[in-house]
Full PDB file with SEQRES, HELIX, SHEET, SSBOND, CRYST1, ORIGX, SCALE, CONECT and MASTER records, all heavy atoms in Angstrom:
SEQRES   1 A   34  LYS ARG ARG GLY VAL ASP LYS ASN GLY ASN VAL ALA ASN          
SEQRES   2 A   34  TYR VAL GLU THR GLU GLN LEU ILE HIS VAL HIS ASN HIS          
SEQRES   3 A   34  THR LEU SER PHE ILE GLN THR ARG                              
SHEET    1 AA1 2 GLU A  16  VAL A  23  0                                        
SHEET    2 AA1 2 HIS A  26  THR A  33 -1                                        
CRYST1    1.000    1.000    1.000  90.00  90.00  90.00 P 1           1          
ORIGX1      1.000000  0.000000  0.000000        0.00000                         
ORIGX2      0.000000  1.000000  0.000000        0.00000                         
ORIGX3      0.000000  0.000000  1.000000        0.00000                         
SCALE1      1.000000  0.000000  0.000000        0.00000                         
SCALE2      0.000000  1.000000  0.000000        0.00000                         
SCALE3      0.000000  0.000000  1.000000        0.00000                         
ATOM      1  N   LYS A   1       0.455  -3.663 -17.379  1.00  0.00           N  
ATOM      2  CA  LYS A   1      -0.670  -4.534 -17.690  1.00  0.00           C  
ATOM      3  C   LYS A   1      -1.891  -4.213 -16.797  1.00  0.00           C  
ATOM      4  O   LYS A   1      -3.033  -4.445 -17.174  1.00  0.00           O  
ATOM      5  CB  LYS A   1      -0.294  -6.021 -17.491  1.00  0.00           C  
ATOM      6  CG  LYS A   1       0.743  -6.449 -18.490  1.00  0.00           C  
ATOM      7  CD  LYS A   1       0.137  -6.394 -19.861  1.00  0.00           C  
ATOM      8  CE  LYS A   1       1.192  -6.586 -20.945  1.00  0.00           C  
ATOM      9  NZ  LYS A   1       0.768  -6.058 -22.208  1.00  0.00           N  
ATOM     10  N   ARG A   2      -1.636  -3.687 -15.585  1.00  0.00           N  
ATOM     11  CA  ARG A   2      -2.724  -3.352 -14.684  1.00  0.00           C  
ATOM     12  C   ARG A   2      -2.564  -1.909 -14.269  1.00  0.00           C  
ATOM     13  O   ARG A   2      -1.594  -1.559 -13.609  1.00  0.00           O  
ATOM     14  CB  ARG A   2      -2.662  -4.285 -13.469  1.00  0.00           C  
ATOM     15  CG  ARG A   2      -3.715  -4.066 -12.433  1.00  0.00           C  
ATOM     16  CD  ARG A   2      -5.055  -4.541 -12.880  1.00  0.00           C  
ATOM     17  NE  ARG A   2      -5.022  -5.987 -12.922  1.00  0.00           N  
ATOM     18  CZ  ARG A   2      -6.018  -6.735 -13.311  1.00  0.00           C  
ATOM     19  NH1 ARG A   2      -7.136  -6.189 -13.681  1.00  0.00           N  
ATOM     20  NH2 ARG A   2      -5.953  -8.039 -13.351  1.00  0.00           N  
ATOM     21  N   ARG A   3      -3.480  -1.082 -14.674  1.00  0.00           N  
ATOM     22  CA  ARG A   3      -3.390   0.379 -14.450  1.00  0.00           C  
ATOM     23  C   ARG A   3      -4.767   0.907 -14.031  1.00  0.00           C  
ATOM     24  O   ARG A   3      -5.798   0.275 -14.228  1.00  0.00           O  
ATOM     25  CB  ARG A   3      -2.987   1.115 -15.713  1.00  0.00           C  
ATOM     26  CG  ARG A   3      -1.590   0.749 -16.230  1.00  0.00           C  
ATOM     27  CD  ARG A   3      -0.579   1.227 -15.285  1.00  0.00           C  
ATOM     28  NE  ARG A   3       0.693   1.424 -15.995  1.00  0.00           N  
ATOM     29  CZ  ARG A   3       1.825   1.729 -15.364  1.00  0.00           C  
ATOM     30  NH1 ARG A   3       1.859   1.830 -14.094  1.00  0.00           N  
ATOM     31  NH2 ARG A   3       2.896   1.893 -16.041  1.00  0.00           N  
ATOM     32  N   GLY A   4      -4.765   2.091 -13.432  1.00  0.00           N  
ATOM     33  CA  GLY A   4      -5.977   2.834 -13.163  1.00  0.00           C  
ATOM     34  C   GLY A   4      -6.838   2.301 -12.031  1.00  0.00           C  
ATOM     35  O   GLY A   4      -6.373   1.616 -11.105  1.00  0.00           O  
ATOM     36  N   VAL A   5      -8.133   2.640 -12.142  1.00  0.00           N  
ATOM     37  CA  VAL A   5      -9.123   2.331 -11.116  1.00  0.00           C  
ATOM     38  C   VAL A   5     -10.160   1.345 -11.659  1.00  0.00           C  
ATOM     39  O   VAL A   5     -10.341   1.287 -12.891  1.00  0.00           O  
ATOM     40  CB  VAL A   5      -9.777   3.639 -10.620  1.00  0.00           C  
ATOM     41  CG1 VAL A   5     -10.652   4.253 -11.708  1.00  0.00           C  
ATOM     42  CG2 VAL A   5     -10.544   3.497  -9.334  1.00  0.00           C  
ATOM     43  N   ASP A   6     -10.819   0.629 -10.795  1.00  0.00           N  
ATOM     44  CA  ASP A   6     -11.920  -0.244 -11.226  1.00  0.00           C  
ATOM     45  C   ASP A   6     -13.253   0.361 -10.792  1.00  0.00           C  
ATOM     46  O   ASP A   6     -13.296   1.440 -10.159  1.00  0.00           O  
ATOM     47  CB  ASP A   6     -11.761  -1.683 -10.761  1.00  0.00           C  
ATOM     48  CG  ASP A   6     -11.905  -1.852  -9.258  1.00  0.00           C  
ATOM     49  OD1 ASP A   6     -12.338  -0.929  -8.572  1.00  0.00           O  
ATOM     50  OD2 ASP A   6     -11.587  -2.952  -8.762  1.00  0.00           O  
ATOM     51  N   LYS A   7     -14.351  -0.296 -11.086  1.00  0.00           N  
ATOM     52  CA  LYS A   7     -15.697   0.250 -10.811  1.00  0.00           C  
ATOM     53  C   LYS A   7     -15.980   0.389  -9.317  1.00  0.00           C  
ATOM     54  O   LYS A   7     -16.886   1.093  -8.947  1.00  0.00           O  
ATOM     55  CB  LYS A   7     -16.758  -0.604 -11.499  1.00  0.00           C  
ATOM     56  CG  LYS A   7     -16.824  -2.012 -10.955  1.00  0.00           C  
ATOM     57  CD  LYS A   7     -17.868  -2.843 -11.651  1.00  0.00           C  
ATOM     58  CE  LYS A   7     -17.767  -4.225 -11.096  1.00  0.00           C  
ATOM     59  NZ  LYS A   7     -19.008  -4.899 -10.951  1.00  0.00           N  
ATOM     60  N   ASN A   8     -15.174  -0.262  -8.458  1.00  0.00           N  
ATOM     61  CA  ASN A   8     -15.403  -0.187  -7.032  1.00  0.00           C  
ATOM     62  C   ASN A   8     -14.460   0.810  -6.346  1.00  0.00           C  
ATOM     63  O   ASN A   8     -14.464   0.942  -5.140  1.00  0.00           O  
ATOM     64  CB  ASN A   8     -15.162  -1.574  -6.404  1.00  0.00           C  
ATOM     65  CG  ASN A   8     -16.143  -2.590  -6.887  1.00  0.00           C  
ATOM     66  OD1 ASN A   8     -17.327  -2.279  -7.014  1.00  0.00           O  
ATOM     67  ND2 ASN A   8     -15.645  -3.757  -7.224  1.00  0.00           N  
ATOM     68  N   GLY A   9     -13.618   1.478  -7.141  1.00  0.00           N  
ATOM     69  CA  GLY A   9     -12.679   2.481  -6.593  1.00  0.00           C  
ATOM     70  C   GLY A   9     -11.346   1.908  -6.168  1.00  0.00           C  
ATOM     71  O   GLY A   9     -10.566   2.624  -5.548  1.00  0.00           O  
ATOM     72  N   ASN A  10     -11.074   0.640  -6.487  1.00  0.00           N  
ATOM     73  CA  ASN A  10      -9.734   0.054  -6.177  1.00  0.00           C  
ATOM     74  C   ASN A  10      -8.761   0.453  -7.267  1.00  0.00           C  
ATOM     75  O   ASN A  10      -9.082   0.315  -8.452  1.00  0.00           O  
ATOM     76  CB  ASN A  10      -9.866  -1.473  -6.110  1.00  0.00           C  
ATOM     77  CG  ASN A  10     -10.826  -1.941  -5.033  1.00  0.00           C  
ATOM     78  OD1 ASN A  10     -10.657  -1.562  -3.910  1.00  0.00           O  
ATOM     79  ND2 ASN A  10     -11.794  -2.724  -5.414  1.00  0.00           N  
ATOM     80  N   VAL A  11      -7.589   0.920  -6.846  1.00  0.00           N  
ATOM     81  CA  VAL A  11      -6.581   1.242  -7.836  1.00  0.00           C  
ATOM     82  C   VAL A  11      -5.585   0.120  -7.991  1.00  0.00           C  
ATOM     83  O   VAL A  11      -5.344  -0.687  -7.080  1.00  0.00           O  
ATOM     84  CB  VAL A  11      -5.826   2.580  -7.476  1.00  0.00           C  
ATOM     85  CG1 VAL A  11      -6.779   3.737  -7.483  1.00  0.00           C  
ATOM     86  CG2 VAL A  11      -5.111   2.477  -6.155  1.00  0.00           C  
ATOM     87  N   ALA A  12      -4.944   0.057  -9.142  1.00  0.00           N  
ATOM     88  CA  ALA A  12      -3.994  -0.999  -9.446  1.00  0.00           C  
ATOM     89  C   ALA A  12      -2.754  -0.852  -8.572  1.00  0.00           C  
ATOM     90  O   ALA A  12      -2.277   0.247  -8.298  1.00  0.00           O  
ATOM     91  CB  ALA A  12      -3.594  -0.951 -10.922  1.00  0.00           C  
ATOM     92  N   ASN A  13      -2.269  -1.989  -8.123  1.00  0.00           N  
ATOM     93  CA  ASN A  13      -0.985  -2.094  -7.408  1.00  0.00           C  
ATOM     94  C   ASN A  13      -0.922  -1.161  -6.205  1.00  0.00           C  
ATOM     95  O   ASN A  13       0.117  -0.522  -5.990  1.00  0.00           O  
ATOM     96  CB  ASN A  13       0.183  -1.945  -8.373  1.00  0.00           C  
ATOM     97  CG  ASN A  13       0.182  -3.013  -9.404  1.00  0.00           C  
ATOM     98  OD1 ASN A  13       0.107  -4.204  -9.086  1.00  0.00           O  
ATOM     99  ND2 ASN A  13       0.168  -2.649 -10.659  1.00  0.00           N  
ATOM    100  N   TYR A  14      -1.939  -1.140  -5.416  1.00  0.00           N  
ATOM    101  CA  TYR A  14      -2.027  -0.293  -4.217  1.00  0.00           C  
ATOM    102  C   TYR A  14      -1.216  -0.924  -3.081  1.00  0.00           C  
ATOM    103  O   TYR A  14      -1.301  -2.100  -2.812  1.00  0.00           O  
ATOM    104  CB  TYR A  14      -3.518  -0.207  -3.798  1.00  0.00           C  
ATOM    105  CG  TYR A  14      -3.725   0.644  -2.574  1.00  0.00           C  
ATOM    106  CD1 TYR A  14      -3.877   2.006  -2.668  1.00  0.00           C  
ATOM    107  CD2 TYR A  14      -3.802   0.061  -1.322  1.00  0.00           C  
ATOM    108  CE1 TYR A  14      -4.087   2.808  -1.538  1.00  0.00           C  
ATOM    109  CE2 TYR A  14      -4.063   0.812  -0.191  1.00  0.00           C  
ATOM    110  CZ  TYR A  14      -4.178   2.184  -0.325  1.00  0.00           C  
ATOM    111  OH  TYR A  14      -4.392   2.954   0.822  1.00  0.00           O  
ATOM    112  N   VAL A  15      -0.381  -0.088  -2.448  1.00  0.00           N  
ATOM    113  CA  VAL A  15       0.443  -0.504  -1.342  1.00  0.00           C  
ATOM    114  C   VAL A  15       0.344   0.497  -0.219  1.00  0.00           C  
ATOM    115  O   VAL A  15       0.414   1.709  -0.458  1.00  0.00           O  
ATOM    116  CB  VAL A  15       1.925  -0.684  -1.757  1.00  0.00           C  
ATOM    117  CG1 VAL A  15       2.787  -1.069  -0.607  1.00  0.00           C  
ATOM    118  CG2 VAL A  15       2.067  -1.678  -2.871  1.00  0.00           C  
ATOM    119  N   GLU A  16       0.170   0.001   1.005  1.00  0.00           N  
ATOM    120  CA  GLU A  16       0.207   0.822   2.201  1.00  0.00           C  
ATOM    121  C   GLU A  16       1.484   0.517   2.958  1.00  0.00           C  
ATOM    122  O   GLU A  16       1.750  -0.669   3.230  1.00  0.00           O  
ATOM    123  CB  GLU A  16      -0.995   0.557   3.083  1.00  0.00           C  
ATOM    124  CG  GLU A  16      -0.952   1.332   4.397  1.00  0.00           C  
ATOM    125  CD  GLU A  16      -1.931   0.797   5.425  1.00  0.00           C  
ATOM    126  OE1 GLU A  16      -1.672  -0.292   5.973  1.00  0.00           O  
ATOM    127  OE2 GLU A  16      -2.941   1.472   5.642  1.00  0.00           O  
ATOM    128  N   THR A  17       2.299   1.534   3.224  1.00  0.00           N  
ATOM    129  CA  THR A  17       3.564   1.335   3.939  1.00  0.00           C  
ATOM    130  C   THR A  17       3.508   2.162   5.229  1.00  0.00           C  
ATOM    131  O   THR A  17       3.247   3.373   5.197  1.00  0.00           O  
ATOM    132  CB  THR A  17       4.792   1.740   3.124  1.00  0.00           C  
ATOM    133  OG1 THR A  17       4.795   0.953   1.932  1.00  0.00           O  
ATOM    134  CG2 THR A  17       6.081   1.545   3.883  1.00  0.00           C  
ATOM    135  N   GLU A  18       3.742   1.510   6.368  1.00  0.00           N  
ATOM    136  CA  GLU A  18       3.767   2.183   7.636  1.00  0.00           C  
ATOM    137  C   GLU A  18       5.122   2.102   8.260  1.00  0.00           C  
ATOM    138  O   GLU A  18       5.742   1.024   8.298  1.00  0.00           O  
ATOM    139  CB  GLU A  18       2.721   1.554   8.571  1.00  0.00           C  
ATOM    140  CG  GLU A  18       2.632   2.267   9.896  1.00  0.00           C  
ATOM    141  CD  GLU A  18       1.430   1.824  10.750  1.00  0.00           C  
ATOM    142  OE1 GLU A  18       0.801   0.816  10.394  1.00  0.00           O  
ATOM    143  OE2 GLU A  18       1.194   2.457  11.774  1.00  0.00           O  
ATOM    144  N   GLN A  19       5.611   3.224   8.689  1.00  0.00           N  
ATOM    145  CA  GLN A  19       6.907   3.318   9.417  1.00  0.00           C  
ATOM    146  C   GLN A  19       6.574   3.622  10.873  1.00  0.00           C  
ATOM    147  O   GLN A  19       5.892   4.583  11.154  1.00  0.00           O  
ATOM    148  CB  GLN A  19       7.773   4.429   8.812  1.00  0.00           C  
ATOM    149  CG  GLN A  19       9.064   4.600   9.536  1.00  0.00           C  
ATOM    150  CD  GLN A  19       9.861   5.737   8.959  1.00  0.00           C  
ATOM    151  OE1 GLN A  19       9.696   6.144   7.820  1.00  0.00           O  
ATOM    152  NE2 GLN A  19      10.709   6.357   9.751  1.00  0.00           N  
ATOM    153  N   LEU A  20       7.025   2.768  11.745  1.00  0.00           N  
ATOM    154  CA  LEU A  20       6.836   2.932  13.191  1.00  0.00           C  
ATOM    155  C   LEU A  20       8.160   3.185  13.878  1.00  0.00           C  
ATOM    156  O   LEU A  20       9.143   2.445  13.606  1.00  0.00           O  
ATOM    157  CB  LEU A  20       6.145   1.690  13.805  1.00  0.00           C  
ATOM    158  CG  LEU A  20       4.735   1.397  13.267  1.00  0.00           C  
ATOM    159  CD1 LEU A  20       4.451  -0.071  13.389  1.00  0.00           C  
ATOM    160  CD2 LEU A  20       3.779   2.219  14.034  1.00  0.00           C  
ATOM    161  N   ILE A  21       8.212   4.123  14.788  1.00  0.00           N  
ATOM    162  CA  ILE A  21       9.399   4.386  15.567  1.00  0.00           C  
ATOM    163  C   ILE A  21       8.996   4.419  17.026  1.00  0.00           C  
ATOM    164  O   ILE A  21       8.079   5.141  17.394  1.00  0.00           O  
ATOM    165  CB  ILE A  21      10.079   5.697  15.163  1.00  0.00           C  
ATOM    166  CG1 ILE A  21      10.508   5.651  13.717  1.00  0.00           C  
ATOM    167  CG2 ILE A  21      11.272   5.993  16.099  1.00  0.00           C  
ATOM    168  CD1 ILE A  21      11.069   6.941  13.173  1.00  0.00           C  
ATOM    169  N   HIS A  22       9.609   3.575  17.843  1.00  0.00           N  
ATOM    170  CA  HIS A  22       9.315   3.478  19.247  1.00  0.00           C  
ATOM    171  C   HIS A  22      10.558   3.936  20.010  1.00  0.00           C  
ATOM    172  O   HIS A  22      11.643   3.369  19.856  1.00  0.00           O  
ATOM    173  CB  HIS A  22       8.928   2.058  19.638  1.00  0.00           C  
ATOM    174  CG  HIS A  22       8.568   1.941  21.084  1.00  0.00           C  
ATOM    175  ND1 HIS A  22       7.367   2.272  21.572  1.00  0.00           N  
ATOM    176  CD2 HIS A  22       9.297   1.532  22.175  1.00  0.00           C  
ATOM    177  CE1 HIS A  22       7.322   2.085  22.876  1.00  0.00           C  
ATOM    178  NE2 HIS A  22       8.483   1.625  23.269  1.00  0.00           N  
ATOM    179  N   VAL A  23      10.406   4.996  20.847  1.00  0.00           N  
ATOM    180  CA  VAL A  23      11.525   5.499  21.625  1.00  0.00           C  
ATOM    181  C   VAL A  23      10.959   6.111  22.933  1.00  0.00           C  
ATOM    182  O   VAL A  23       9.937   6.798  22.904  1.00  0.00           O  
ATOM    183  CB  VAL A  23      12.385   6.495  20.845  1.00  0.00           C  
ATOM    184  CG1 VAL A  23      11.603   7.753  20.474  1.00  0.00           C  
ATOM    185  CG2 VAL A  23      13.641   6.879  21.638  1.00  0.00           C  
ATOM    186  N   HIS A  24      11.633   5.881  24.047  1.00  0.00           N  
ATOM    187  CA  HIS A  24      11.222   6.439  25.357  1.00  0.00           C  
ATOM    188  C   HIS A  24       9.732   6.204  25.634  1.00  0.00           C  
ATOM    189  O   HIS A  24       9.010   7.140  25.982  1.00  0.00           O  
ATOM    190  CB  HIS A  24      11.527   7.925  25.427  1.00  0.00           C  
ATOM    191  CG  HIS A  24      12.958   8.245  25.366  1.00  0.00           C  
ATOM    192  ND1 HIS A  24      13.896   7.877  26.295  1.00  0.00           N  
ATOM    193  CD2 HIS A  24      13.683   8.963  24.452  1.00  0.00           C  
ATOM    194  CE1 HIS A  24      15.073   8.321  25.991  1.00  0.00           C  
ATOM    195  NE2 HIS A  24      14.986   8.981  24.858  1.00  0.00           N  
ATOM    196  N   ASN A  25       9.243   5.001  25.402  1.00  0.00           N  
ATOM    197  CA  ASN A  25       7.845   4.649  25.656  1.00  0.00           C  
ATOM    198  C   ASN A  25       6.840   5.407  24.819  1.00  0.00           C  
ATOM    199  O   ASN A  25       5.653   5.538  25.147  1.00  0.00           O  
ATOM    200  CB  ASN A  25       7.487   4.789  27.133  1.00  0.00           C  
ATOM    201  CG  ASN A  25       8.236   3.790  27.983  1.00  0.00           C  
ATOM    202  OD1 ASN A  25       8.452   2.649  27.585  1.00  0.00           O  
ATOM    203  ND2 ASN A  25       8.725   4.268  29.138  1.00  0.00           N  
ATOM    204  N   HIS A  26       7.275   5.954  23.700  1.00  0.00           N  
ATOM    205  CA  HIS A  26       6.376   6.634  22.764  1.00  0.00           C  
ATOM    206  C   HIS A  26       6.536   5.956  21.402  1.00  0.00           C  
ATOM    207  O   HIS A  26       7.612   5.581  20.980  1.00  0.00           O  
ATOM    208  CB  HIS A  26       6.744   8.090  22.601  1.00  0.00           C  
ATOM    209  CG  HIS A  26       6.594   8.887  23.845  1.00  0.00           C  
ATOM    210  ND1 HIS A  26       5.390   9.313  24.337  1.00  0.00           N  
ATOM    211  CD2 HIS A  26       7.531   9.330  24.737  1.00  0.00           C  
ATOM    212  CE1 HIS A  26       5.575   9.969  25.453  1.00  0.00           C  
ATOM    213  NE2 HIS A  26       6.867   9.995  25.744  1.00  0.00           N  
ATOM    214  N   THR A  27       5.399   5.788  20.733  1.00  0.00           N  
ATOM    215  CA  THR A  27       5.414   5.198  19.391  1.00  0.00           C  
ATOM    216  C   THR A  27       4.889   6.217  18.383  1.00  0.00           C  
ATOM    217  O   THR A  27       3.809   6.806  18.621  1.00  0.00           O  
ATOM    218  CB  THR A  27       4.568   3.890  19.330  1.00  0.00           C  
ATOM    219  OG1 THR A  27       5.093   2.992  20.319  1.00  0.00           O  
ATOM    220  CG2 THR A  27       4.641   3.271  17.943  1.00  0.00           C  
ATOM    221  N   LEU A  28       5.637   6.455  17.344  1.00  0.00           N  
ATOM    222  CA  LEU A  28       5.246   7.355  16.277  1.00  0.00           C  
ATOM    223  C   LEU A  28       4.957   6.541  15.038  1.00  0.00           C  
ATOM    224  O   LEU A  28       5.657   5.539  14.731  1.00  0.00           O  
ATOM    225  CB  LEU A  28       6.378   8.367  16.006  1.00  0.00           C  
ATOM    226  CG  LEU A  28       6.883   9.099  17.206  1.00  0.00           C  
ATOM    227  CD1 LEU A  28       8.256   9.700  16.929  1.00  0.00           C  
ATOM    228  CD2 LEU A  28       5.924  10.186  17.603  1.00  0.00           C  
ATOM    229  N   SER A  29       3.984   6.950  14.242  1.00  0.00           N  
ATOM    230  CA  SER A  29       3.617   6.221  13.026  1.00  0.00           C  
ATOM    231  C   SER A  29       3.486   7.189  11.859  1.00  0.00           C  
ATOM    232  O   SER A  29       2.965   8.290  12.007  1.00  0.00           O  
ATOM    233  CB  SER A  29       2.313   5.505  13.265  1.00  0.00           C  
ATOM    234  OG  SER A  29       1.824   4.975  12.014  1.00  0.00           O  
ATOM    235  N   PHE A  30       4.001   6.784  10.717  1.00  0.00           N  
ATOM    236  CA  PHE A  30       3.833   7.518   9.480  1.00  0.00           C  
ATOM    237  C   PHE A  30       3.391   6.552   8.416  1.00  0.00           C  
ATOM    238  O   PHE A  30       4.029   5.533   8.214  1.00  0.00           O  
ATOM    239  CB  PHE A  30       5.145   8.197   9.067  1.00  0.00           C  
ATOM    240  CG  PHE A  30       5.056   8.927   7.740  1.00  0.00           C  
ATOM    241  CD1 PHE A  30       4.405  10.134   7.642  1.00  0.00           C  
ATOM    242  CD2 PHE A  30       5.593   8.346   6.607  1.00  0.00           C  
ATOM    243  CE1 PHE A  30       4.305  10.787   6.436  1.00  0.00           C  
ATOM    244  CE2 PHE A  30       5.458   9.005   5.359  1.00  0.00           C  
ATOM    245  CZ  PHE A  30       4.831  10.222   5.291  1.00  0.00           C  
ATOM    246  N   ILE A  31       2.272   6.842   7.784  1.00  0.00           N  
ATOM    247  CA  ILE A  31       1.718   5.967   6.773  1.00  0.00           C  
ATOM    248  C   ILE A  31       1.736   6.627   5.392  1.00  0.00           C  
ATOM    249  O   ILE A  31       1.365   7.776   5.256  1.00  0.00           O  
ATOM    250  CB  ILE A  31       0.251   5.514   7.091  1.00  0.00           C  
ATOM    251  CG1 ILE A  31       0.250   4.747   8.406  1.00  0.00           C  
ATOM    252  CG2 ILE A  31      -0.332   4.700   5.954  1.00  0.00           C  
ATOM    253  CD1 ILE A  31      -1.142   4.358   8.876  1.00  0.00           C  
ATOM    254  N   GLN A  32       2.215   5.872   4.430  1.00  0.00           N  
ATOM    255  CA  GLN A  32       2.267   6.327   3.033  1.00  0.00           C  
ATOM    256  C   GLN A  32       1.540   5.297   2.181  1.00  0.00           C  
ATOM    257  O   GLN A  32       1.798   4.098   2.376  1.00  0.00           O  
ATOM    258  CB  GLN A  32       3.713   6.511   2.603  1.00  0.00           C  
ATOM    259  CG  GLN A  32       3.880   6.836   1.163  1.00  0.00           C  
ATOM    260  CD  GLN A  32       5.361   6.943   0.805  1.00  0.00           C  
ATOM    261  OE1 GLN A  32       6.161   7.495   1.523  1.00  0.00           O  
ATOM    262  NE2 GLN A  32       5.710   6.385  -0.354  1.00  0.00           N  
ATOM    263  N   THR A  33       0.694   5.746   1.310  1.00  0.00           N  
ATOM    264  CA  THR A  33       0.060   4.824   0.360  1.00  0.00           C  
ATOM    265  C   THR A  33       0.473   5.173  -1.031  1.00  0.00           C  
ATOM    266  O   THR A  33       0.846   6.323  -1.314  1.00  0.00           O  
ATOM    267  CB  THR A  33      -1.488   4.882   0.484  1.00  0.00           C  
ATOM    268  OG1 THR A  33      -1.948   6.183   0.166  1.00  0.00           O  
ATOM    269  CG2 THR A  33      -1.956   4.501   1.875  1.00  0.00           C  
ATOM    270  N   ARG A  34       0.456   4.206  -1.881  1.00  0.00           N  
ATOM    271  CA  ARG A  34       0.768   4.448  -3.294  1.00  0.00           C  
ATOM    272  C   ARG A  34      -0.108   3.545  -4.142  1.00  0.00           C  
ATOM    273  O   ARG A  34      -0.551   2.484  -3.702  1.00  0.00           O  
ATOM    274  CB  ARG A  34       2.217   4.231  -3.642  1.00  0.00           C  
ATOM    275  CG  ARG A  34       2.604   2.774  -3.551  1.00  0.00           C  
ATOM    276  CD  ARG A  34       3.780   2.347  -4.446  1.00  0.00           C  
ATOM    277  NE  ARG A  34       3.717   2.722  -5.795  1.00  0.00           N  
ATOM    278  CZ  ARG A  34       3.102   2.053  -6.795  1.00  0.00           C  
ATOM    279  NH1 ARG A  34       2.411   0.972  -6.543  1.00  0.00           N  
ATOM    280  NH2 ARG A  34       3.160   2.467  -8.021  1.00  0.00           N  
TER     281      ARG A  34                                                      
MASTER        0    0    0    0    2    0    0    6  280    1    0    3          
END                                                                             
């Protein structure tokens, strides 16, 4: 029912997912959008 892009550049059902891993006082981040 909701597809594509609108006039402002927003895409339907946009999700940002971030995976964070913290080990030995270091934090790593990986971001995926869909």
